[in-house]
Protein backbone atom coordinates (compact mmCIF):
# COMPACT_ATOMS: atom_id res chain seq x y z
CA MET A 1 0.13 0.01 -0.02
CA SER A 2 0.99 3.22 -0.37
CA SER A 3 1.45 6.26 1.93
CA HIS A 4 -1.47 7.65 1.03
CA ASP A 5 -3.84 4.62 1.99
CA ALA A 6 -5.53 5.37 5.47
CA HIS A 7 -4.55 1.96 6.42
CA ALA A 8 -1.24 0.50 5.28
CA LEU A 9 -0.91 -3.14 5.90
CA SER A 10 1.60 -5.20 7.81
CA ARG A 11 3.63 -7.52 5.91
CA ASP A 12 1.69 -10.13 8.37
CA GLU A 13 -1.29 -8.96 7.52
CA VAL A 14 -0.51 -8.90 3.37
CA LEU A 15 0.60 -12.43 3.62
CA VAL A 16 -2.68 -13.93 5.22
CA GLY A 17 -3.92 -16.54 2.95
CA LEU A 18 -1.55 -15.78 0.11
CA ASP A 19 -0.55 -19.51 0.68
CA ARG A 20 -3.80 -20.97 -0.43
CA PRO A 21 -2.60 -23.20 -3.26
CA THR A 22 -4.61 -23.03 -6.38
CA LEU A 23 -7.36 -25.23 -7.37
CA PRO A 24 -6.00 -28.91 -8.82
CA ILE A 25 -8.77 -29.22 -11.09
CA LEU A 26 -7.50 -25.91 -12.82
CA ARG A 27 -4.42 -27.64 -13.43
CA THR A 28 -6.26 -30.68 -14.66
CA VAL A 29 -8.59 -28.81 -17.18
CA SER A 30 -5.59 -26.85 -18.28
CA LEU A 31 -4.06 -30.18 -18.93
CA VAL A 32 -7.04 -32.01 -20.67
CA LEU A 33 -7.48 -28.85 -22.43
CA ALA A 34 -3.29 -29.28 -23.74
CA ALA A 35 -3.92 -32.95 -24.66
CA ILE A 36 -7.17 -32.09 -26.77
CA GLY A 37 -5.14 -29.54 -28.93
CA LEU A 38 -2.12 -31.83 -29.03
CA VAL A 39 -4.52 -35.43 -30.66
CA VAL A 40 -6.26 -32.77 -32.92
CA PHE A 41 -2.57 -31.30 -33.99
CA VAL A 42 -1.59 -34.85 -34.61
CA ILE A 43 -4.10 -36.01 -36.46
CA GLY A 44 -4.74 -32.61 -38.24
CA LEU A 45 -1.14 -33.08 -39.63
CA PHE A 46 -2.42 -36.21 -41.53
CA VAL A 47 -5.63 -35.45 -42.14
CA ASN A 48 -5.76 -31.96 -42.86
CA PRO A 49 -2.35 -30.20 -42.46
CA ALA A 50 -2.10 -26.82 -44.16
CA ARG A 51 -5.60 -25.81 -41.35
CA THR A 52 -3.40 -27.15 -38.84
CA TRP A 53 -0.42 -24.79 -39.11
CA GLN A 54 -2.87 -22.31 -40.16
CA SER A 55 -4.79 -22.56 -37.00
CA LEU A 56 -1.39 -22.62 -34.72
CA LEU A 57 -0.39 -19.35 -36.51
CA VAL A 58 -4.25 -17.91 -35.09
CA SER A 59 -3.48 -19.21 -31.74
CA TRP A 60 0.04 -18.19 -31.99
CA LEU A 61 -0.60 -14.68 -32.48
CA PHE A 62 -3.62 -14.58 -30.21
CA PHE A 63 -1.37 -15.87 -27.08
CA ALA A 64 1.63 -14.52 -27.60
CA SER A 65 0.63 -10.77 -28.25
CA ILE A 66 -1.86 -10.58 -25.46
CA SER A 67 1.27 -12.14 -23.00
CA SER A 68 3.68 -10.25 -24.16
CA ALA A 69 1.52 -7.17 -23.92
CA GLY A 70 0.44 -8.35 -20.26
CA VAL A 71 4.45 -7.72 -19.53
CA MET A 72 4.54 -4.64 -21.18
CA PHE A 73 1.98 -3.27 -19.04
CA VAL A 74 3.98 -4.48 -15.92
CA ALA A 75 7.01 -2.39 -16.94
CA VAL A 76 4.43 0.42 -17.59
CA GLN A 77 3.81 0.62 -14.21
CA ARG A 78 7.49 0.81 -13.55
CA ILE A 79 7.89 3.96 -16.24
CA THR A 80 4.80 5.46 -14.58
CA THR A 81 5.98 4.81 -10.78
CA ALA A 82 2.64 3.82 -10.39
CA ARG A 83 1.35 2.33 -6.97
CA TRP A 84 -2.28 1.91 -7.50
CA SER A 85 -1.73 -1.65 -9.01
CA ARG A 86 0.82 -3.09 -6.05
CA PRO A 87 -1.63 -5.50 -4.68
CA ILE A 88 -2.74 -7.19 -8.18
CA ILE A 89 0.09 -6.66 -10.53
CA ARG A 90 1.64 -10.01 -9.91
CA LEU A 91 -1.58 -11.65 -11.38
CA LEU A 92 -0.30 -9.76 -15.02
CA GLU A 93 3.32 -11.10 -14.04
CA GLY A 94 2.72 -14.81 -14.98
CA TYR A 95 1.64 -13.85 -18.67
CA VAL A 96 5.26 -14.36 -18.87
CA ALA A 97 5.69 -17.78 -18.06
CA PHE A 98 3.92 -18.46 -21.72
CA LEU A 99 6.48 -16.83 -23.35
CA PRO A 100 9.17 -19.04 -23.83
CA VAL A 101 6.71 -21.94 -24.94
CA ALA A 102 5.43 -19.27 -27.20
CA LEU A 103 8.53 -19.16 -28.89
CA LEU A 104 9.34 -23.00 -29.37
CA LEU A 105 5.88 -22.67 -30.86
CA LEU A 106 7.19 -20.40 -33.31
CA LEU A 107 9.97 -22.09 -34.41
CA ALA A 108 7.95 -24.95 -35.19
CA ILE A 109 5.73 -22.78 -37.59
CA LEU A 110 8.78 -21.59 -38.79
CA ILE A 111 10.64 -24.71 -39.28
CA PHE A 112 7.75 -27.37 -39.83
CA GLY A 113 4.70 -25.41 -41.30
CA ARG A 114 6.56 -22.35 -43.39
CA HIS A 115 5.08 -24.18 -46.72
CA TYR A 116 1.51 -23.97 -45.38
CA VAL A 117 1.46 -20.92 -43.88
CA PHE A 118 3.56 -18.52 -45.91
CA TRP A 119 3.17 -18.05 -49.37
CA TRP A 120 6.51 -16.72 -50.35
CA THR A 121 8.51 -20.42 -49.00
CA THR A 122 6.50 -21.61 -52.07
CA ARG A 123 6.96 -18.91 -55.00
CA THR A 124 8.88 -16.19 -55.54
CA PRO A 125 7.30 -12.60 -54.82
CA GLU A 126 6.44 -10.77 -58.13
CA ILE A 127 7.45 -7.40 -56.17
CA HIS A 128 11.36 -7.14 -56.35
CA GLU A 129 11.82 -4.86 -52.54
CA LYS A 130 9.31 -7.97 -51.23
CA ALA A 131 11.48 -10.57 -52.32
CA ILE A 132 14.44 -9.50 -50.59
CA TYR A 133 12.11 -8.72 -47.28
CA LEU A 134 10.32 -12.08 -47.27
CA GLY A 135 13.87 -13.53 -48.55
CA PRO A 136 14.78 -16.66 -46.06
CA ALA A 137 18.26 -14.84 -45.45
CA PHE A 138 16.36 -11.58 -44.06
CA PHE A 139 13.06 -13.09 -42.93
CA TYR A 140 13.67 -15.95 -40.47
CA PRO A 141 16.68 -14.07 -38.69
CA ARG A 142 14.65 -11.02 -38.42
CA VAL A 143 11.56 -12.83 -37.11
CA ILE A 144 13.18 -15.12 -34.70
CA GLY A 145 15.77 -12.16 -33.55
CA ILE A 146 12.90 -10.14 -32.66
CA ALA A 147 10.40 -13.18 -31.03
CA LEU A 148 14.06 -13.66 -28.74
CA LEU A 149 15.04 -10.63 -27.71
CA LEU A 150 10.97 -10.33 -26.61
CA THR A 151 11.00 -13.25 -24.55
CA ALA A 152 14.39 -12.64 -22.92
CA LEU A 153 14.05 -8.77 -21.85
CA SER A 154 10.10 -10.04 -21.01
CA LEU A 155 11.81 -12.99 -18.74
CA TRP A 156 14.51 -10.33 -17.32
CA TYR A 157 12.41 -8.17 -16.03
CA ILE A 158 9.66 -10.26 -14.75
CA TYR A 159 12.43 -12.04 -12.74
CA THR A 160 13.85 -8.65 -10.84
CA CYS A 161 10.24 -8.06 -10.07
CA VAL A 162 9.80 -11.23 -8.60
CA ARG A 163 13.30 -11.48 -6.78
CA LEU A 164 12.60 -8.94 -4.44
CA ASP A 165 9.52 -10.51 -2.76
CA VAL A 166 11.81 -13.92 -3.15
CA GLY A 167 14.51 -12.70 -1.10
CA ILE A 168 12.14 -11.40 1.91
CA LEU A 169 9.98 -14.28 1.72
CA PRO A 170 12.26 -17.54 0.81
CA GLU A 171 9.25 -20.14 1.73
CA ALA A 172 6.42 -18.48 -0.20
CA GLY A 173 5.67 -20.87 -2.73
CA ALA A 174 5.36 -24.45 -3.83
CA ASN A 175 8.03 -27.17 -2.32
CA TRP A 176 9.03 -27.74 -6.43
CA ALA A 177 10.57 -23.90 -6.90
CA ARG A 178 12.22 -24.46 -3.81
CA GLY A 179 15.55 -24.50 -5.71
CA LEU A 180 14.72 -22.27 -8.03
CA ARG A 181 13.92 -19.42 -5.01
CA GLU A 182 17.40 -20.01 -3.58
CA ARG A 183 18.86 -19.62 -6.67
CA MET A 184 16.87 -16.01 -6.94
CA ARG A 185 17.99 -14.90 -3.80
CA ARG A 186 21.77 -15.01 -3.88
CA GLY A 187 23.66 -12.04 -3.35
CA PHE A 188 20.43 -10.60 -1.62
CA SER A 189 21.62 -7.89 -0.11
CA ASP A 190 19.54 -5.61 2.48
CA GLU A 191 16.06 -4.66 1.83
CA ARG A 192 16.58 -1.17 1.07
CA ARG A 193 19.55 -1.45 -1.24
CA GLU A 194 18.10 -4.21 -3.09
CA LEU A 195 14.54 -2.16 -3.46
CA HIS A 196 16.83 0.94 -5.05
CA SER A 197 19.28 -1.29 -7.28
CA THR A 198 16.21 -3.03 -8.37
CA HIS A 199 14.10 -0.14 -8.79
CA SER A 200 17.01 1.61 -11.10
CA LEU A 201 17.97 -1.45 -13.22
CA GLN A 202 13.90 -1.77 -13.54
CA GLY A 203 13.97 1.74 -15.00
CA ARG A 204 16.35 1.09 -17.76
CA LEU A 205 14.58 -2.14 -18.85
CA ALA A 206 11.38 -1.03 -18.92
CA VAL A 207 12.20 1.49 -21.13
CA PHE A 208 14.29 -0.75 -23.55
CA LEU A 209 11.38 -3.40 -23.28
CA ALA A 210 8.86 -0.47 -24.32
CA PHE A 211 11.08 -0.14 -27.50
CA VAL A 212 11.56 -3.23 -27.84
CA PHE A 213 7.55 -4.47 -27.77
CA GLY A 214 6.60 -1.20 -29.96
CA PHE A 215 8.94 -1.87 -33.19
CA GLY A 216 9.08 -5.86 -32.46
CA TRP A 217 5.21 -6.19 -32.71
CA ILE A 218 5.01 -4.06 -35.32
CA VAL A 219 7.98 -6.03 -37.62
CA LEU A 220 6.13 -9.33 -36.21
CA SER A 221 3.08 -8.01 -37.55
CA TRP A 222 4.17 -6.99 -40.62
CA ASP A 223 5.72 -10.74 -41.32
CA LEU A 224 3.40 -13.39 -39.61
CA SER A 225 -0.05 -11.82 -39.98
CA MET A 226 -0.32 -8.58 -43.00
CA ALA A 227 2.36 -10.36 -45.25
CA LEU A 228 0.31 -13.43 -45.78
CA ASP A 229 -1.68 -11.07 -48.40
CA PRO A 230 0.56 -10.55 -51.42
CA HIS A 231 -0.12 -6.85 -52.46
CA PHE A 232 -1.39 -5.23 -49.03
CA GLN A 233 0.59 -2.98 -46.69
CA SER A 234 -0.99 -0.28 -43.94
CA THR A 235 1.27 1.66 -41.94
CA MET A 236 -1.30 1.94 -39.08
CA TYR A 237 -1.26 -2.40 -39.15
CA GLY A 238 1.14 -3.08 -36.51
CA TRP A 239 0.08 -0.37 -33.76
CA TRP A 240 -3.97 -1.85 -34.39
CA PHE A 241 -2.14 -5.48 -34.18
CA PHE A 242 -0.67 -4.62 -30.96
CA MET A 243 -3.00 -2.52 -29.66
CA GLY A 244 -5.67 -5.61 -29.75
CA GLY A 245 -3.52 -7.46 -27.71
CA TRP A 246 -2.89 -4.79 -25.30
CA VAL A 247 -6.72 -4.86 -24.77
CA ALA A 248 -7.04 -8.17 -24.45
CA ALA A 249 -4.52 -8.59 -22.00
CA LEU A 250 -6.01 -5.70 -19.88
CA ALA A 251 -9.68 -7.95 -20.37
CA SER A 252 -7.95 -10.97 -19.09
CA TRP A 253 -6.23 -9.50 -16.11
CA THR A 254 -9.61 -8.11 -15.24
CA ILE A 255 -11.32 -11.49 -15.05
CA ILE A 256 -8.50 -13.08 -13.32
CA THR A 257 -7.89 -10.68 -10.71
CA MET A 258 -11.58 -10.97 -9.77
CA ALA A 259 -11.05 -15.06 -9.73
CA TRP A 260 -8.16 -14.95 -7.38
CA ARG A 261 -9.43 -11.99 -5.26
CA ARG A 262 -12.48 -14.93 -4.51
CA HIS A 263 -10.32 -18.09 -4.38
CA LEU A 264 -7.65 -16.05 -1.75
CA ALA A 265 -10.70 -14.09 -0.20
CA ARG A 266 -8.95 -11.30 -0.08
CA TYR A 267 -11.64 -8.31 -0.02
CA ASP A 268 -9.50 -6.05 1.97
CA LEU A 269 -6.51 -6.42 -0.31
CA ILE A 270 -8.14 -6.56 -3.99
CA GLN A 271 -11.05 -3.86 -3.83
CA GLU A 272 -13.70 -2.26 -5.89
CA LYS A 273 -11.46 0.77 -6.52
CA HIS A 274 -9.36 -1.52 -8.62
CA PHE A 275 -11.54 -2.88 -10.41
CA HIS A 276 -12.62 0.48 -11.05
CA ASP A 277 -9.20 1.40 -12.56
CA LEU A 278 -9.08 -1.50 -14.54
CA GLY A 279 -12.36 -1.20 -15.82
CA LYS A 280 -11.55 2.31 -17.36
CA LEU A 281 -8.66 0.98 -18.69
CA CYS A 282 -10.30 -1.35 -20.37
CA PHE A 283 -12.64 1.46 -21.93
CA ALA A 284 -9.96 3.75 -22.23
CA PHE A 285 -8.31 1.44 -24.82
CA THR A 286 -11.08 -0.54 -26.13
CA ALA A 287 -11.99 3.24 -27.22
CA PHE A 288 -8.17 3.67 -28.69
CA TRP A 289 -8.56 0.35 -30.50
CA GLY A 290 -11.84 1.54 -31.83
CA TYR A 291 -10.42 5.17 -32.92
CA ILE A 292 -6.87 3.37 -34.84
CA THR A 293 -9.47 0.71 -36.36
CA PHE A 294 -11.53 3.39 -37.96
CA GLY A 295 -8.52 5.80 -38.76
CA GLN A 296 -7.14 2.63 -40.69
CA TYR A 297 -10.56 1.80 -42.66
CA LEU A 298 -11.05 5.93 -43.14
CA VAL A 299 -8.11 6.14 -44.67
CA ILE A 300 -8.10 3.42 -47.04
CA TRP A 301 -11.62 4.22 -47.74
CA TYR A 302 -11.32 7.43 -48.84
CA GLY A 303 -7.85 6.67 -50.84
CA ASN A 304 -9.81 4.25 -52.91
CA MET A 305 -6.32 2.69 -53.73
CA ALA A 306 -6.89 -1.28 -55.56
CA GLU A 307 -4.03 -2.62 -53.39
CA GLU A 308 -5.81 -1.40 -49.99
CA THR A 309 -9.00 -1.77 -50.28
CA HIS A 310 -8.99 -5.19 -51.75
CA TRP A 311 -7.69 -6.36 -48.15
CA MET A 312 -11.08 -4.92 -46.44
CA ARG A 313 -13.82 -5.67 -49.12
CA LEU A 314 -12.61 -9.45 -49.02
CA ARG A 315 -13.52 -9.10 -45.03
CA LEU A 316 -17.15 -7.44 -46.26
CA ILE A 317 -17.94 -9.76 -48.67
CA GLU A 318 -19.70 -13.66 -48.98
CA GLY A 319 -19.02 -15.84 -45.86
CA TRP A 320 -16.60 -13.07 -43.97
CA ARG A 321 -18.82 -10.44 -43.66
CA PHE A 322 -20.59 -11.98 -40.51
CA PRO A 323 -17.24 -13.11 -38.46
CA THR A 324 -16.09 -9.32 -39.44
CA LEU A 325 -19.09 -7.47 -38.15
CA LEU A 326 -19.02 -9.62 -34.98
CA ALA A 327 -15.53 -9.10 -33.87
CA VAL A 328 -16.09 -5.47 -34.28
CA GLY A 329 -18.91 -6.03 -32.11
CA LEU A 330 -17.02 -7.97 -29.62
CA MET A 331 -14.00 -5.72 -29.47
CA PHE A 332 -15.58 -2.66 -29.98
CA VAL A 333 -19.04 -1.89 -29.94
CA PHE A 334 -20.42 -3.99 -26.84
CA PRO A 335 -17.38 -2.93 -24.39
CA PHE A 336 -17.42 0.40 -25.68
CA PHE A 337 -21.08 1.58 -24.77
CA GLY A 338 -21.18 -1.48 -22.00
CA LEU A 339 -18.28 0.05 -19.93
CA LEU A 340 -19.68 3.97 -19.83
CA SER A 341 -20.86 3.88 -16.89
CA ARG A 342 -19.06 3.23 -13.41
CA ALA A 343 -21.71 0.62 -12.20
CA ALA A 344 -21.00 -1.26 -14.93
CA LYS A 345 -16.96 -1.40 -13.94
CA VAL A 346 -17.45 -2.60 -10.75
CA PHE A 347 -20.55 -5.22 -11.02
CA LEU A 348 -18.33 -7.66 -11.94
CA PRO A 349 -21.10 -10.08 -14.01
CA THR A 350 -21.15 -7.09 -16.08
CA MET A 351 -17.45 -6.61 -15.99
CA VAL A 352 -17.00 -10.42 -16.63
CA LEU A 353 -19.45 -10.16 -19.64
CA PHE A 354 -17.43 -7.09 -21.67
CA ALA A 355 -14.10 -8.20 -20.75
CA SER A 356 -14.99 -11.59 -22.28
CA CYS A 357 -16.23 -10.05 -25.15
CA THR A 358 -12.96 -8.53 -25.91
CA ILE A 359 -10.73 -11.34 -25.47
CA VAL A 360 -13.23 -13.73 -27.40
CA GLY A 361 -13.39 -10.42 -30.29
CA LEU A 362 -9.63 -10.40 -30.44
CA TRP A 363 -9.27 -14.54 -31.85
CA MET A 364 -11.78 -13.58 -33.91
CA VAL A 365 -9.52 -10.69 -35.14
CA ARG A 366 -6.85 -12.59 -35.30
CA TYR A 367 -8.73 -15.22 -37.41
CA LEU A 368 -9.96 -12.43 -39.82
CA GLU A 369 -6.02 -11.45 -40.28
CA VAL A 370 -4.99 -14.76 -41.29
CA TYR A 371 -7.55 -16.76 -43.19
CA PRO A 372 -9.12 -14.62 -45.43
CA SER A 373 -5.92 -13.81 -46.83
CA ILE A 374 -5.06 -17.12 -47.46
CA TYR A 375 -8.42 -18.81 -48.95
CA GLY A 376 -9.44 -15.36 -50.24
CA PRO A 377 -13.53 -15.12 -51.08
CA LEU A 378 -15.62 -17.94 -49.94
CA HIS A 379 -19.09 -19.03 -48.78
CA ASP A 380 -18.27 -21.63 -46.74
CA ILE A 381 -15.06 -20.35 -44.29
CA PRO A 382 -13.09 -22.99 -42.86
CA LEU A 383 -13.93 -22.30 -39.01
CA GLY A 384 -14.55 -25.44 -37.49
CA LEU A 385 -12.41 -28.71 -35.83
CA TRP A 386 -9.13 -27.90 -36.42
CA GLU A 387 -9.43 -24.14 -35.33
CA ILE A 388 -11.65 -24.81 -32.14
CA GLY A 389 -9.45 -27.85 -31.10
CA ILE A 390 -6.14 -26.10 -31.23
CA THR A 391 -7.19 -23.00 -29.49
CA ALA A 392 -8.81 -25.19 -26.84
CA GLY A 393 -4.69 -27.27 -26.70
CA VAL A 394 -2.84 -23.56 -26.54
CA LEU A 395 -5.29 -22.13 -23.87
CA GLY A 396 -4.55 -25.62 -21.72
CA ILE A 397 -0.62 -24.94 -22.54
CA TRP A 398 -1.23 -21.10 -21.25
CA GLY A 399 -3.02 -21.90 -18.20
CA PHE A 400 -0.63 -24.81 -17.27
CA CYS A 401 1.90 -21.95 -17.64
CA TYR A 402 0.35 -19.47 -15.50
CA LEU A 403 -0.81 -21.54 -12.61
CA ALA A 404 2.87 -22.64 -12.03
CA PHE A 405 3.83 -19.47 -11.90
CA MET A 406 1.68 -18.25 -9.69
CA ASP A 407 2.24 -21.39 -7.45
CA ALA A 408 5.95 -21.13 -7.78
CA PHE A 409 6.44 -17.21 -6.49
CA PRO A 410 4.73 -14.57 -3.63
CA ARG A 411 1.57 -13.85 -5.19
CA VAL A 412 1.61 -9.80 -4.55
CA ARG A 413 4.64 -7.34 -4.81
CA VAL A 414 4.70 -7.80 -0.91
CA LEU A 415 7.88 -5.68 -0.29
CA LEU A 416 6.79 -2.61 -2.54
CA MET A 417 3.47 -3.08 -0.49
CA THR A 418 4.94 -3.39 2.99
CA SER A 419 8.57 -2.27 2.99
CA PRO A 420 9.33 1.14 4.91
CA PHE A 421 11.27 2.39 2.13
CA ARG A 422 8.65 1.69 -0.52
CA ASP A 423 7.74 5.23 -1.08
CA GLU A 424 11.44 6.29 -1.75
CA VAL A 425 11.40 4.70 -4.86
CA GLN A 426 9.56 8.05 -5.87
CA VAL A 427 12.75 9.95 -5.26
CA PRO A 428 15.31 7.93 -7.85
CA VAL A 429 18.43 7.25 -5.59
CA ASP A 430 22.58 6.16 -6.27
CA PRO A 431 21.62 2.21 -5.26
CA ARG A 432 25.79 2.18 -3.95
CA THR A 433 25.72 5.33 -1.88
CA MET A 434 21.76 5.67 -1.12
CA GLU A 435 21.89 9.27 -2.08
CA PRO A 436 19.11 11.19 -4.04
CA LEU A 437 19.98 11.56 -7.46
CA PRO A 438 20.39 14.89 -9.27
CA ALA A 439 17.22 16.01 -10.70
CA HIS A 440 18.96 15.64 -14.56
CA GLU A 441 19.74 12.42 -13.75
């Protein structure tokens, strides 16, 4: 808690009930979903390999962008030195656990599924510049390098966050992760010095991660989504892509926070004001996503150039029309108008409803980024067992990774909530001398 709170909880008060284990049924469901997805994937490799790999790409774009955006939002809290989110931000930090798996899935797509997904692996692009840009010597190092850098920086940043709490609470977490926590605690010095040295390091990491996140996902969206159409390009595509992941990360975080509050029975720690703040964030970035979406559409509409308009037109004709309108409704119309009032943000059923609309809507958006570009005009669109089964499988993997993270480490930022030095980080100091830094530094 911060200094302006009426009552700052003590360390013992914060820790009450936080060690309650996650429900075994959740891990079981996650493993069952992962097993179903694996079975569907293996069968699909023999029955319909093209749909199988295309479905995996859709799921990768969906889950990887949400997980990466979640970590980036954690870093934004450091950039802005936010205090409001301290009781709940660890629930978002767990998103990082999926990113190493996402990196492996991406490598699988690039190595084994490339011919079923990326048209330029089977024929040379007609446009000379695209032949160079999408050539193997440039494409693969670029995509893998960006994904690797994003994953490494995200893991490093969340490591610094978790280490502060592991350092003062070595026993907080599951027994299977005891060795990992012991390694994280090596070299941990006094609480005040660790707080400031970590805060200083996070300041640099967060800004660097912000640049890599913004530039990296713009390029990944070009390479893995926009380029699936041989002739379409839009300068707003990258922003539109990663902002979809951003708003869905906030929406999923809201639902997960509600679930944790109920599971831990910590209504004093996770309060109505947190859901009001989360609801405002979901509303604001829903509006921003709508702004970018309409801005991109409007420019293409009044430019009226065939190399741009065909992309939008394809998604508004024949079998693609209904999914497109549904995606717009789920991603923008329902959550925007639904979350206008304060009551809708703090009344949990309505907040869950509109947050769920955003999450499902983003999956539909990712599907529409990939499939129409590959299949062209169709009355009967390919949406069935392969897409649903593989999405369920990746969801199971994501859930298992998240639960493992949340079991392994303290579930809130205990040090930043209870340390007597917690508000000193609002004024940066030199971690070596513990003296305040001059304003220009």
